[in-house]
Amino acid sequence: MPRPEKLAQVEELKEKLAQARSVVLVDYLGLTASECVELRRLMRKEGVEFRVVKNTLARRAAQEVGAGFLVEYLRGPNAIVLGRDDPTLPYKVSRECAKRYGHFQIKAGLFEGEPVPPEKVDWYATLPSREELLARLAGGLAGPIRGLAVALSGIIRGLALALVEVKRQKEKKG
C-alpha cells in the first residue's frame, strides 16, 4: 500500500501537469551543484518551474493525467520544466540550458496536451510567443487598412488641390 506522502506527491504532480500548458522532460545528470543552482535561478527568472521528479511517481501522475507519452522517457534521472502562461517558454529555456550546460539534455515534452518527440523539441523552441504572433497579426491587418487610408487621403488631397486651383482661376477672371 502506498504511503500517504507518496500519494500526496503524485497528487501534487498531477495537479501541476494538468495546469501546465507545456511540459519538457529533461535529463540533468552530470550537472554540478552550482550549475543546478544556477539552472533553477534561470528557470525561476524566466517564469517556468523546474522540478526533479521520481520516475515511479511521475509515471503514475502522467498516466492519470493522460500524458502517458512521457512514461517511455522516464528512465534515469529526470526533471520536468513546466510552463503555465506561454507554452513555448519551457522549450526556449530548456534549449538555452542545453546549449549552456553540456550535460543538460531534452528528452521529450507535451505542448498544449500534444506529445512532442525529441526530434521536434527544437522546432517548438523556435516558435514565436503568443504576444509576438498577435503583434504580427495586428501588423498584417493594419497594413491594408493603412494603404486604404493613404489612398483615400491622396484622393481627398487631389480634390482639395483642384478646388484651390478652381478658386484661383475664378479670382483671376473676376
N, C-alpha and C. Protein backbone atom coordinates (compact mmCIF):
# COMPACT_ATOMS: atom_id res chain seq x y z
N MET A 1 0.85 -1.19 0.00
CA MET A 1 0.00 0.00 0.00
C MET A 1 0.89 1.25 0.00
N PRO A 2 0.59 2.20 -0.88
CA PRO A 2 1.42 3.40 -0.98
C PRO A 2 1.32 4.26 0.28
N ARG A 3 2.43 4.89 0.58
CA ARG A 3 2.46 5.76 1.75
C ARG A 3 1.75 7.07 1.44
N PRO A 4 1.17 7.69 2.46
CA PRO A 4 0.41 8.94 2.23
C PRO A 4 1.25 10.06 1.62
N GLU A 5 2.53 10.17 2.02
CA GLU A 5 3.36 11.24 1.46
C GLU A 5 3.62 11.02 -0.03
N LYS A 6 3.72 9.75 -0.44
CA LYS A 6 3.91 9.45 -1.87
C LYS A 6 2.64 9.80 -2.65
N LEU A 7 1.49 9.45 -2.08
CA LEU A 7 0.22 9.78 -2.72
C LEU A 7 0.06 11.30 -2.85
N ALA A 8 0.48 12.01 -1.82
CA ALA A 8 0.41 13.48 -1.87
C ALA A 8 1.32 14.03 -2.96
N GLN A 9 2.51 13.44 -3.12
CA GLN A 9 3.43 13.89 -4.17
C GLN A 9 2.85 13.61 -5.55
N VAL A 10 2.21 12.46 -5.71
CA VAL A 10 1.59 12.12 -7.00
C VAL A 10 0.46 13.10 -7.29
N GLU A 11 -0.36 13.40 -6.29
CA GLU A 11 -1.47 14.34 -6.48
C GLU A 11 -0.94 15.74 -6.85
N GLU A 12 0.11 16.18 -6.18
CA GLU A 12 0.69 17.48 -6.47
C GLU A 12 1.25 17.52 -7.90
N LEU A 13 1.93 16.45 -8.29
CA LEU A 13 2.49 16.38 -9.64
C LEU A 13 1.37 16.31 -10.68
N LYS A 14 0.31 15.57 -10.39
CA LYS A 14 -0.85 15.51 -11.30
C LYS A 14 -1.44 16.89 -11.50
N GLU A 15 -1.58 17.62 -10.42
CA GLU A 15 -2.14 18.97 -10.48
C GLU A 15 -1.26 19.89 -11.33
N LYS A 16 0.04 19.80 -11.13
CA LYS A 16 0.98 20.65 -11.90
C LYS A 16 0.95 20.28 -13.38
N LEU A 17 0.90 18.98 -13.68
CA LEU A 17 0.85 18.54 -15.08
C LEU A 17 -0.46 18.97 -15.74
N ALA A 18 -1.54 18.91 -14.99
CA ALA A 18 -2.84 19.28 -15.55
C ALA A 18 -2.92 20.78 -15.81
N GLN A 19 -2.30 21.59 -14.96
CA GLN A 19 -2.36 23.03 -15.11
C GLN A 19 -1.38 23.56 -16.15
N ALA A 20 -0.33 22.82 -16.42
CA ALA A 20 0.72 23.29 -17.33
C ALA A 20 0.23 23.29 -18.77
N ARG A 21 0.58 24.34 -19.50
CA ARG A 21 0.26 24.39 -20.94
C ARG A 21 1.30 23.62 -21.73
N SER A 22 2.52 23.53 -21.17
CA SER A 22 3.55 22.73 -21.82
C SER A 22 4.48 22.17 -20.75
N VAL A 23 5.04 21.01 -21.09
CA VAL A 23 5.93 20.28 -20.19
C VAL A 23 7.12 19.81 -21.02
N VAL A 24 8.32 19.96 -20.46
CA VAL A 24 9.52 19.46 -21.11
C VAL A 24 10.20 18.52 -20.12
N LEU A 25 10.49 17.32 -20.56
CA LEU A 25 11.18 16.34 -19.74
C LEU A 25 12.66 16.40 -20.07
N VAL A 26 13.50 16.60 -19.05
CA VAL A 26 14.93 16.78 -19.28
C VAL A 26 15.76 15.84 -18.41
N ASP A 27 16.97 15.60 -18.86
CA ASP A 27 17.96 14.82 -18.12
C ASP A 27 19.05 15.78 -17.67
N TYR A 28 19.27 15.85 -16.39
CA TYR A 28 20.24 16.80 -15.84
C TYR A 28 21.47 16.10 -15.28
N LEU A 29 21.62 14.81 -15.49
CA LEU A 29 22.74 14.05 -14.93
C LEU A 29 24.06 14.62 -15.41
N GLY A 30 24.97 14.85 -14.48
CA GLY A 30 26.28 15.38 -14.82
C GLY A 30 26.46 16.84 -14.47
N LEU A 31 25.37 17.53 -14.13
CA LEU A 31 25.48 18.93 -13.74
C LEU A 31 26.03 19.01 -12.32
N THR A 32 26.88 19.97 -12.08
CA THR A 32 27.40 20.17 -10.72
C THR A 32 26.34 20.85 -9.87
N ALA A 33 26.55 20.87 -8.58
CA ALA A 33 25.59 21.50 -7.67
C ALA A 33 25.44 22.99 -7.98
N SER A 34 26.54 23.66 -8.26
CA SER A 34 26.46 25.10 -8.57
C SER A 34 25.72 25.33 -9.90
N GLU A 35 25.92 24.44 -10.85
CA GLU A 35 25.19 24.56 -12.12
C GLU A 35 23.69 24.35 -11.91
N CYS A 36 23.34 23.41 -11.01
CA CYS A 36 21.92 23.17 -10.71
C CYS A 36 21.29 24.40 -10.06
N VAL A 37 22.01 25.04 -9.16
CA VAL A 37 21.51 26.26 -8.51
C VAL A 37 21.32 27.35 -9.56
N GLU A 38 22.31 27.50 -10.41
CA GLU A 38 22.25 28.49 -11.50
C GLU A 38 21.07 28.20 -12.44
N LEU A 39 20.90 26.92 -12.75
CA LEU A 39 19.81 26.48 -13.63
C LEU A 39 18.46 26.80 -13.01
N ARG A 40 18.27 26.48 -11.75
CA ARG A 40 17.00 26.77 -11.08
C ARG A 40 16.73 28.28 -11.04
N ARG A 41 17.77 29.06 -10.79
CA ARG A 41 17.63 30.51 -10.75
C ARG A 41 17.19 31.04 -12.12
N LEU A 42 17.80 30.53 -13.18
CA LEU A 42 17.44 30.94 -14.54
C LEU A 42 15.99 30.57 -14.85
N MET A 43 15.61 29.35 -14.50
CA MET A 43 14.24 28.89 -14.77
C MET A 43 13.22 29.77 -14.03
N ARG A 44 13.50 30.05 -12.77
CA ARG A 44 12.60 30.87 -11.96
C ARG A 44 12.49 32.27 -12.56
N LYS A 45 13.62 32.83 -12.97
CA LYS A 45 13.64 34.18 -13.56
C LYS A 45 12.80 34.23 -14.84
N GLU A 46 12.84 33.16 -15.62
CA GLU A 46 12.11 33.11 -16.89
C GLU A 46 10.62 32.79 -16.70
N GLY A 47 10.24 32.40 -15.49
CA GLY A 47 8.82 32.15 -15.22
C GLY A 47 8.38 30.72 -15.48
N VAL A 48 9.31 29.78 -15.48
CA VAL A 48 8.95 28.38 -15.62
C VAL A 48 9.39 27.64 -14.36
N GLU A 49 8.75 26.51 -14.12
CA GLU A 49 9.06 25.73 -12.93
C GLU A 49 9.93 24.54 -13.30
N PHE A 50 10.99 24.31 -12.55
CA PHE A 50 11.91 23.19 -12.74
C PHE A 50 11.78 22.29 -11.53
N ARG A 51 11.40 21.04 -11.77
CA ARG A 51 11.22 20.08 -10.69
C ARG A 51 11.91 18.78 -11.00
N VAL A 52 12.69 18.30 -10.05
CA VAL A 52 13.26 16.96 -10.15
C VAL A 52 12.17 16.01 -9.70
N VAL A 53 11.97 14.93 -10.47
CA VAL A 53 10.87 14.01 -10.17
C VAL A 53 11.38 12.59 -10.02
N LYS A 54 10.68 11.85 -9.17
CA LYS A 54 10.95 10.42 -9.06
C LYS A 54 10.19 9.74 -10.19
N ASN A 55 10.84 8.85 -10.88
CA ASN A 55 10.25 8.23 -12.06
C ASN A 55 8.94 7.49 -11.76
N THR A 56 8.90 6.72 -10.69
CA THR A 56 7.69 5.94 -10.41
C THR A 56 6.52 6.87 -10.12
N LEU A 57 6.75 7.93 -9.38
CA LEU A 57 5.68 8.88 -9.08
C LEU A 57 5.27 9.65 -10.33
N ALA A 58 6.27 10.02 -11.12
CA ALA A 58 5.98 10.76 -12.36
C ALA A 58 5.22 9.88 -13.35
N ARG A 59 5.57 8.62 -13.43
CA ARG A 59 4.84 7.70 -14.33
C ARG A 59 3.37 7.62 -13.93
N ARG A 60 3.14 7.43 -12.65
CA ARG A 60 1.77 7.31 -12.16
C ARG A 60 1.00 8.60 -12.43
N ALA A 61 1.59 9.74 -12.14
CA ALA A 61 0.91 11.03 -12.35
C ALA A 61 0.65 11.26 -13.84
N ALA A 62 1.64 10.96 -14.68
CA ALA A 62 1.48 11.18 -16.13
C ALA A 62 0.36 10.31 -16.69
N GLN A 63 0.30 9.06 -16.26
CA GLN A 63 -0.76 8.18 -16.77
C GLN A 63 -2.13 8.64 -16.30
N GLU A 64 -2.23 9.09 -15.07
CA GLU A 64 -3.53 9.51 -14.55
C GLU A 64 -4.01 10.82 -15.18
N VAL A 65 -3.08 11.64 -15.64
CA VAL A 65 -3.45 12.92 -16.26
C VAL A 65 -3.68 12.76 -17.76
N GLY A 66 -3.27 11.65 -18.33
CA GLY A 66 -3.42 11.45 -19.77
C GLY A 66 -2.18 11.82 -20.55
N ALA A 67 -1.05 11.90 -19.88
CA ALA A 67 0.21 12.23 -20.53
C ALA A 67 1.09 10.98 -20.58
N GLY A 68 0.49 9.84 -20.92
CA GLY A 68 1.20 8.58 -20.94
C GLY A 68 2.37 8.55 -21.90
N PHE A 69 2.40 9.45 -22.85
CA PHE A 69 3.51 9.54 -23.81
C PHE A 69 4.84 9.71 -23.09
N LEU A 70 4.84 10.43 -21.98
CA LEU A 70 6.08 10.70 -21.25
C LEU A 70 6.64 9.48 -20.54
N VAL A 71 5.81 8.48 -20.29
CA VAL A 71 6.22 7.32 -19.48
C VAL A 71 7.44 6.63 -20.07
N GLU A 72 7.48 6.48 -21.39
CA GLU A 72 8.60 5.77 -22.01
C GLU A 72 9.93 6.52 -21.86
N TYR A 73 9.88 7.83 -21.57
CA TYR A 73 11.10 8.61 -21.41
C TYR A 73 11.52 8.76 -19.94
N LEU A 74 10.73 8.24 -19.03
CA LEU A 74 11.02 8.37 -17.61
C LEU A 74 11.95 7.26 -17.15
N ARG A 75 13.18 7.34 -17.61
CA ARG A 75 14.25 6.42 -17.20
C ARG A 75 15.46 7.26 -16.84
N GLY A 76 16.15 6.87 -15.78
CA GLY A 76 17.31 7.64 -15.35
C GLY A 76 16.87 8.88 -14.60
N PRO A 77 17.81 9.75 -14.29
CA PRO A 77 17.44 10.97 -13.55
C PRO A 77 16.68 11.93 -14.47
N ASN A 78 15.54 12.40 -13.99
CA ASN A 78 14.69 13.27 -14.79
C ASN A 78 14.25 14.49 -14.00
N ALA A 79 13.99 15.52 -14.73
CA ALA A 79 13.35 16.72 -14.18
C ALA A 79 12.33 17.17 -15.21
N ILE A 80 11.35 17.90 -14.75
CA ILE A 80 10.37 18.45 -15.67
C ILE A 80 10.41 19.97 -15.59
N VAL A 81 10.19 20.58 -16.74
CA VAL A 81 10.10 22.04 -16.83
C VAL A 81 8.66 22.33 -17.21
N LEU A 82 7.97 23.06 -16.35
CA LEU A 82 6.54 23.32 -16.54
C LEU A 82 6.31 24.79 -16.89
N GLY A 83 5.46 25.01 -17.87
CA GLY A 83 5.10 26.37 -18.26
C GLY A 83 3.60 26.55 -18.22
N ARG A 84 3.14 27.60 -17.56
CA ARG A 84 1.69 27.82 -17.45
C ARG A 84 1.19 28.89 -18.41
N ASP A 85 1.96 29.94 -18.62
CA ASP A 85 1.47 31.06 -19.43
C ASP A 85 1.77 30.89 -20.90
N ASP A 86 3.02 31.00 -21.26
CA ASP A 86 3.45 30.88 -22.65
C ASP A 86 3.92 29.45 -22.88
N PRO A 87 3.24 28.68 -23.72
CA PRO A 87 3.64 27.28 -23.90
C PRO A 87 4.99 27.09 -24.58
N THR A 88 5.51 28.10 -25.25
CA THR A 88 6.81 27.95 -25.90
C THR A 88 7.96 28.21 -24.94
N LEU A 89 7.69 28.89 -23.85
CA LEU A 89 8.76 29.31 -22.93
C LEU A 89 9.56 28.15 -22.34
N PRO A 90 8.94 27.07 -21.85
CA PRO A 90 9.76 25.96 -21.33
C PRO A 90 10.69 25.37 -22.38
N TYR A 91 10.26 25.33 -23.63
CA TYR A 91 11.10 24.81 -24.70
C TYR A 91 12.27 25.74 -24.97
N LYS A 92 12.00 27.04 -24.99
CA LYS A 92 13.06 28.01 -25.25
C LYS A 92 14.09 28.00 -24.13
N VAL A 93 13.62 27.99 -22.88
CA VAL A 93 14.53 28.00 -21.74
C VAL A 93 15.33 26.70 -21.69
N SER A 94 14.67 25.57 -21.94
CA SER A 94 15.36 24.28 -21.93
C SER A 94 16.41 24.21 -23.03
N ARG A 95 16.09 24.75 -24.18
CA ARG A 95 17.06 24.75 -25.28
C ARG A 95 18.27 25.62 -24.93
N GLU A 96 18.01 26.77 -24.31
CA GLU A 96 19.10 27.64 -23.88
C GLU A 96 19.98 26.93 -22.84
N CYS A 97 19.35 26.22 -21.92
CA CYS A 97 20.11 25.48 -20.89
C CYS A 97 20.91 24.34 -21.51
N ALA A 98 20.34 23.69 -22.52
CA ALA A 98 21.07 22.60 -23.19
C ALA A 98 22.31 23.15 -23.89
N LYS A 99 22.22 24.36 -24.43
CA LYS A 99 23.39 24.97 -25.07
C LYS A 99 24.42 25.39 -24.03
N ARG A 100 23.93 25.90 -22.90
CA ARG A 100 24.82 26.41 -21.86
C ARG A 100 25.50 25.29 -21.07
N TYR A 101 24.76 24.24 -20.76
CA TYR A 101 25.29 23.14 -19.95
C TYR A 101 25.33 21.88 -20.82
N GLY A 102 26.49 21.35 -21.03
CA GLY A 102 26.65 20.20 -21.92
C GLY A 102 25.92 18.95 -21.47
N HIS A 103 25.74 18.78 -20.16
CA HIS A 103 25.10 17.56 -19.66
C HIS A 103 23.58 17.65 -19.63
N PHE A 104 23.04 18.81 -19.85
CA PHE A 104 21.60 19.02 -19.81
C PHE A 104 21.02 18.57 -21.15
N GLN A 105 20.13 17.58 -21.13
CA GLN A 105 19.55 17.07 -22.38
C GLN A 105 18.03 17.07 -22.31
N ILE A 106 17.42 17.46 -23.41
CA ILE A 106 15.97 17.46 -23.51
C ILE A 106 15.53 16.11 -24.06
N LYS A 107 14.61 15.45 -23.36
CA LYS A 107 14.16 14.12 -23.77
C LYS A 107 12.90 14.17 -24.62
N ALA A 108 11.88 14.84 -24.14
CA ALA A 108 10.59 14.88 -24.83
C ALA A 108 9.74 15.95 -24.16
N GLY A 109 8.50 16.07 -24.59
CA GLY A 109 7.63 17.05 -23.95
C GLY A 109 6.18 16.93 -24.35
N LEU A 110 5.41 17.82 -23.82
CA LEU A 110 4.00 17.97 -24.16
C LEU A 110 3.77 19.44 -24.47
N PHE A 111 3.05 19.72 -25.54
CA PHE A 111 2.74 21.10 -25.92
C PHE A 111 1.24 21.18 -26.08
N GLU A 112 0.58 21.90 -25.17
CA GLU A 112 -0.88 22.02 -25.19
C GLU A 112 -1.53 20.63 -25.23
N GLY A 113 -0.97 19.68 -24.50
CA GLY A 113 -1.53 18.34 -24.41
C GLY A 113 -1.09 17.39 -25.51
N GLU A 114 -0.40 17.88 -26.52
CA GLU A 114 0.07 17.05 -27.63
C GLU A 114 1.50 16.57 -27.36
N PRO A 115 1.79 15.30 -27.63
CA PRO A 115 3.15 14.79 -27.41
C PRO A 115 4.17 15.43 -28.35
N VAL A 116 5.35 15.69 -27.80
CA VAL A 116 6.44 16.27 -28.58
C VAL A 116 7.63 15.31 -28.49
N PRO A 117 7.92 14.58 -29.58
CA PRO A 117 9.07 13.67 -29.55
C PRO A 117 10.38 14.46 -29.54
N PRO A 118 11.47 13.81 -29.17
CA PRO A 118 12.76 14.52 -29.04
C PRO A 118 13.19 15.26 -30.31
N GLU A 119 12.90 14.71 -31.48
CA GLU A 119 13.35 15.35 -32.72
C GLU A 119 12.56 16.63 -33.04
N LYS A 120 11.43 16.85 -32.41
CA LYS A 120 10.61 18.05 -32.66
C LYS A 120 10.81 19.15 -31.62
N VAL A 121 11.55 18.86 -30.57
CA VAL A 121 11.71 19.82 -29.47
C VAL A 121 12.31 21.14 -29.96
N ASP A 122 13.32 21.09 -30.79
CA ASP A 122 13.95 22.32 -31.29
C ASP A 122 12.97 23.17 -32.09
N TRP A 123 12.09 22.53 -32.84
CA TRP A 123 11.10 23.27 -33.62
C TRP A 123 10.18 24.05 -32.69
N TYR A 124 9.74 23.43 -31.61
CA TYR A 124 8.86 24.12 -30.66
C TYR A 124 9.60 25.25 -29.96
N ALA A 125 10.90 25.11 -29.77
CA ALA A 125 11.68 26.16 -29.12
C ALA A 125 11.81 27.39 -30.01
N THR A 126 11.65 27.24 -31.32
CA THR A 126 11.78 28.37 -32.23
C THR A 126 10.45 29.07 -32.51
N LEU A 127 9.35 28.52 -32.00
CA LEU A 127 8.05 29.16 -32.22
C LEU A 127 8.00 30.53 -31.54
N PRO A 128 7.38 31.50 -32.19
CA PRO A 128 7.23 32.81 -31.53
C PRO A 128 6.21 32.72 -30.40
N SER A 129 6.31 33.62 -29.46
CA SER A 129 5.37 33.64 -28.34
C SER A 129 4.00 34.12 -28.81
N ARG A 130 3.01 33.95 -27.98
CA ARG A 130 1.65 34.35 -28.30
C ARG A 130 1.60 35.86 -28.57
N GLU A 131 2.28 36.63 -27.73
CA GLU A 131 2.28 38.08 -27.89
C GLU A 131 2.90 38.48 -29.22
N GLU A 132 3.99 37.80 -29.59
CA GLU A 132 4.65 38.10 -30.86
C GLU A 132 3.73 37.75 -32.04
N LEU A 133 3.02 36.64 -31.95
CA LEU A 133 2.09 36.26 -33.01
C LEU A 133 0.95 37.27 -33.12
N LEU A 134 0.44 37.73 -31.98
CA LEU A 134 -0.63 38.73 -32.01
C LEU A 134 -0.14 40.05 -32.61
N ALA A 135 1.10 40.42 -32.30
CA ALA A 135 1.67 41.64 -32.87
C ALA A 135 1.81 41.50 -34.39
N ARG A 136 2.25 40.33 -34.84
CA ARG A 136 2.37 40.10 -36.29
C ARG A 136 1.00 40.17 -36.95
N LEU A 137 -0.01 39.59 -36.32
CA LEU A 137 -1.37 39.62 -36.86
C LEU A 137 -1.87 41.06 -36.94
N ALA A 138 -1.66 41.82 -35.88
CA ALA A 138 -2.10 43.22 -35.88
C ALA A 138 -1.39 44.01 -36.98
N GLY A 139 -0.10 43.76 -37.14
CA GLY A 139 0.64 44.44 -38.21
C GLY A 139 0.15 44.04 -39.58
N GLY A 140 -0.16 42.77 -39.74
CA GLY A 140 -0.68 42.29 -41.02
C GLY A 140 -2.04 42.87 -41.35
N LEU A 141 -2.87 43.02 -40.33
CA LEU A 141 -4.19 43.60 -40.55
C LEU A 141 -4.11 45.11 -40.74
N ALA A 142 -3.16 45.75 -40.10
CA ALA A 142 -3.04 47.21 -40.20
C ALA A 142 -2.49 47.64 -41.56
N GLY A 143 -1.70 46.80 -42.20
CA GLY A 143 -1.09 47.16 -43.49
C GLY A 143 -2.11 47.54 -44.55
N PRO A 144 -3.06 46.68 -44.87
CA PRO A 144 -4.05 47.04 -45.89
C PRO A 144 -4.92 48.25 -45.49
N ILE A 145 -5.24 48.35 -44.20
CA ILE A 145 -6.05 49.47 -43.74
C ILE A 145 -5.27 50.77 -43.91
N ARG A 146 -3.98 50.74 -43.56
CA ARG A 146 -3.13 51.92 -43.73
C ARG A 146 -3.03 52.28 -45.21
N GLY A 147 -2.89 51.29 -46.07
CA GLY A 147 -2.82 51.53 -47.51
C GLY A 147 -4.09 52.18 -48.03
N LEU A 148 -5.24 51.71 -47.55
CA LEU A 148 -6.51 52.29 -47.95
C LEU A 148 -6.61 53.74 -47.47
N ALA A 149 -6.18 53.99 -46.25
CA ALA A 149 -6.22 55.35 -45.71
C ALA A 149 -5.33 56.29 -46.52
N VAL A 150 -4.15 55.84 -46.89
CA VAL A 150 -3.23 56.65 -47.70
C VAL A 150 -3.84 56.92 -49.07
N ALA A 151 -4.43 55.89 -49.67
CA ALA A 151 -5.05 56.08 -51.00
C ALA A 151 -6.21 57.05 -50.93
N LEU A 152 -7.05 56.92 -49.92
CA LEU A 152 -8.19 57.83 -49.79
C LEU A 152 -7.73 59.26 -49.48
N SER A 153 -6.71 59.39 -48.67
CA SER A 153 -6.22 60.74 -48.37
C SER A 153 -5.61 61.37 -49.61
N GLY A 154 -5.01 60.55 -50.47
CA GLY A 154 -4.47 61.06 -51.73
C GLY A 154 -5.57 61.60 -52.63
N ILE A 155 -6.68 60.90 -52.68
CA ILE A 155 -7.81 61.35 -53.49
C ILE A 155 -8.37 62.66 -52.93
N ILE A 156 -8.52 62.71 -51.61
CA ILE A 156 -9.05 63.92 -50.97
C ILE A 156 -8.09 65.09 -51.16
N ARG A 157 -6.79 64.81 -51.02
CA ARG A 157 -5.80 65.85 -51.23
C ARG A 157 -5.87 66.37 -52.67
N GLY A 158 -6.01 65.46 -53.62
CA GLY A 158 -6.14 65.87 -55.03
C GLY A 158 -7.38 66.71 -55.26
N LEU A 159 -8.48 66.33 -54.62
CA LEU A 159 -9.71 67.11 -54.74
C LEU A 159 -9.54 68.50 -54.14
N ALA A 160 -8.89 68.56 -52.98
CA ALA A 160 -8.66 69.86 -52.33
C ALA A 160 -7.79 70.75 -53.22
N LEU A 161 -6.72 70.18 -53.81
CA LEU A 161 -5.86 70.97 -54.71
C LEU A 161 -6.63 71.45 -55.93
N ALA A 162 -7.50 70.61 -56.48
CA ALA A 162 -8.30 71.01 -57.64
C ALA A 162 -9.24 72.15 -57.28
N LEU A 163 -9.85 72.09 -56.09
CA LEU A 163 -10.76 73.16 -55.67
C LEU A 163 -10.00 74.47 -55.44
N VAL A 164 -8.82 74.39 -54.87
CA VAL A 164 -7.99 75.58 -54.67
C VAL A 164 -7.63 76.19 -56.03
N GLU A 165 -7.30 75.36 -56.99
CA GLU A 165 -6.94 75.84 -58.32
C GLU A 165 -8.15 76.47 -59.01
N VAL A 166 -9.33 75.87 -58.85
CA VAL A 166 -10.55 76.45 -59.43
C VAL A 166 -10.81 77.81 -58.79
N LYS A 167 -10.62 77.91 -57.49
CA LYS A 167 -10.83 79.18 -56.78
C LYS A 167 -9.87 80.25 -57.33
N ARG A 168 -8.59 79.88 -57.53
CA ARG A 168 -7.61 80.83 -58.08
C ARG A 168 -8.03 81.29 -59.48
N GLN A 169 -8.45 80.33 -60.27
CA GLN A 169 -8.87 80.66 -61.64
C GLN A 169 -10.04 81.65 -61.63
N LYS A 170 -10.99 81.43 -60.73
CA LYS A 170 -12.16 82.33 -60.67
C LYS A 170 -11.76 83.70 -60.16
N GLU A 171 -10.78 83.75 -59.23
CA GLU A 171 -10.31 85.03 -58.69
C GLU A 171 -9.60 85.84 -59.79
N LYS A 172 -8.86 85.14 -60.66
CA LYS A 172 -8.17 85.83 -61.77
C LYS A 172 -9.16 86.42 -62.75
N LYS A 173 -10.20 85.68 -63.03
CA LYS A 173 -11.19 86.14 -64.01
C LYS A 173 -12.07 87.26 -63.45
N GLY A 174 -12.36 87.16 -62.20
CA GLY A 174 -13.38 88.06 -61.79
C GLY A 174 -13.15 88.88 -60.62
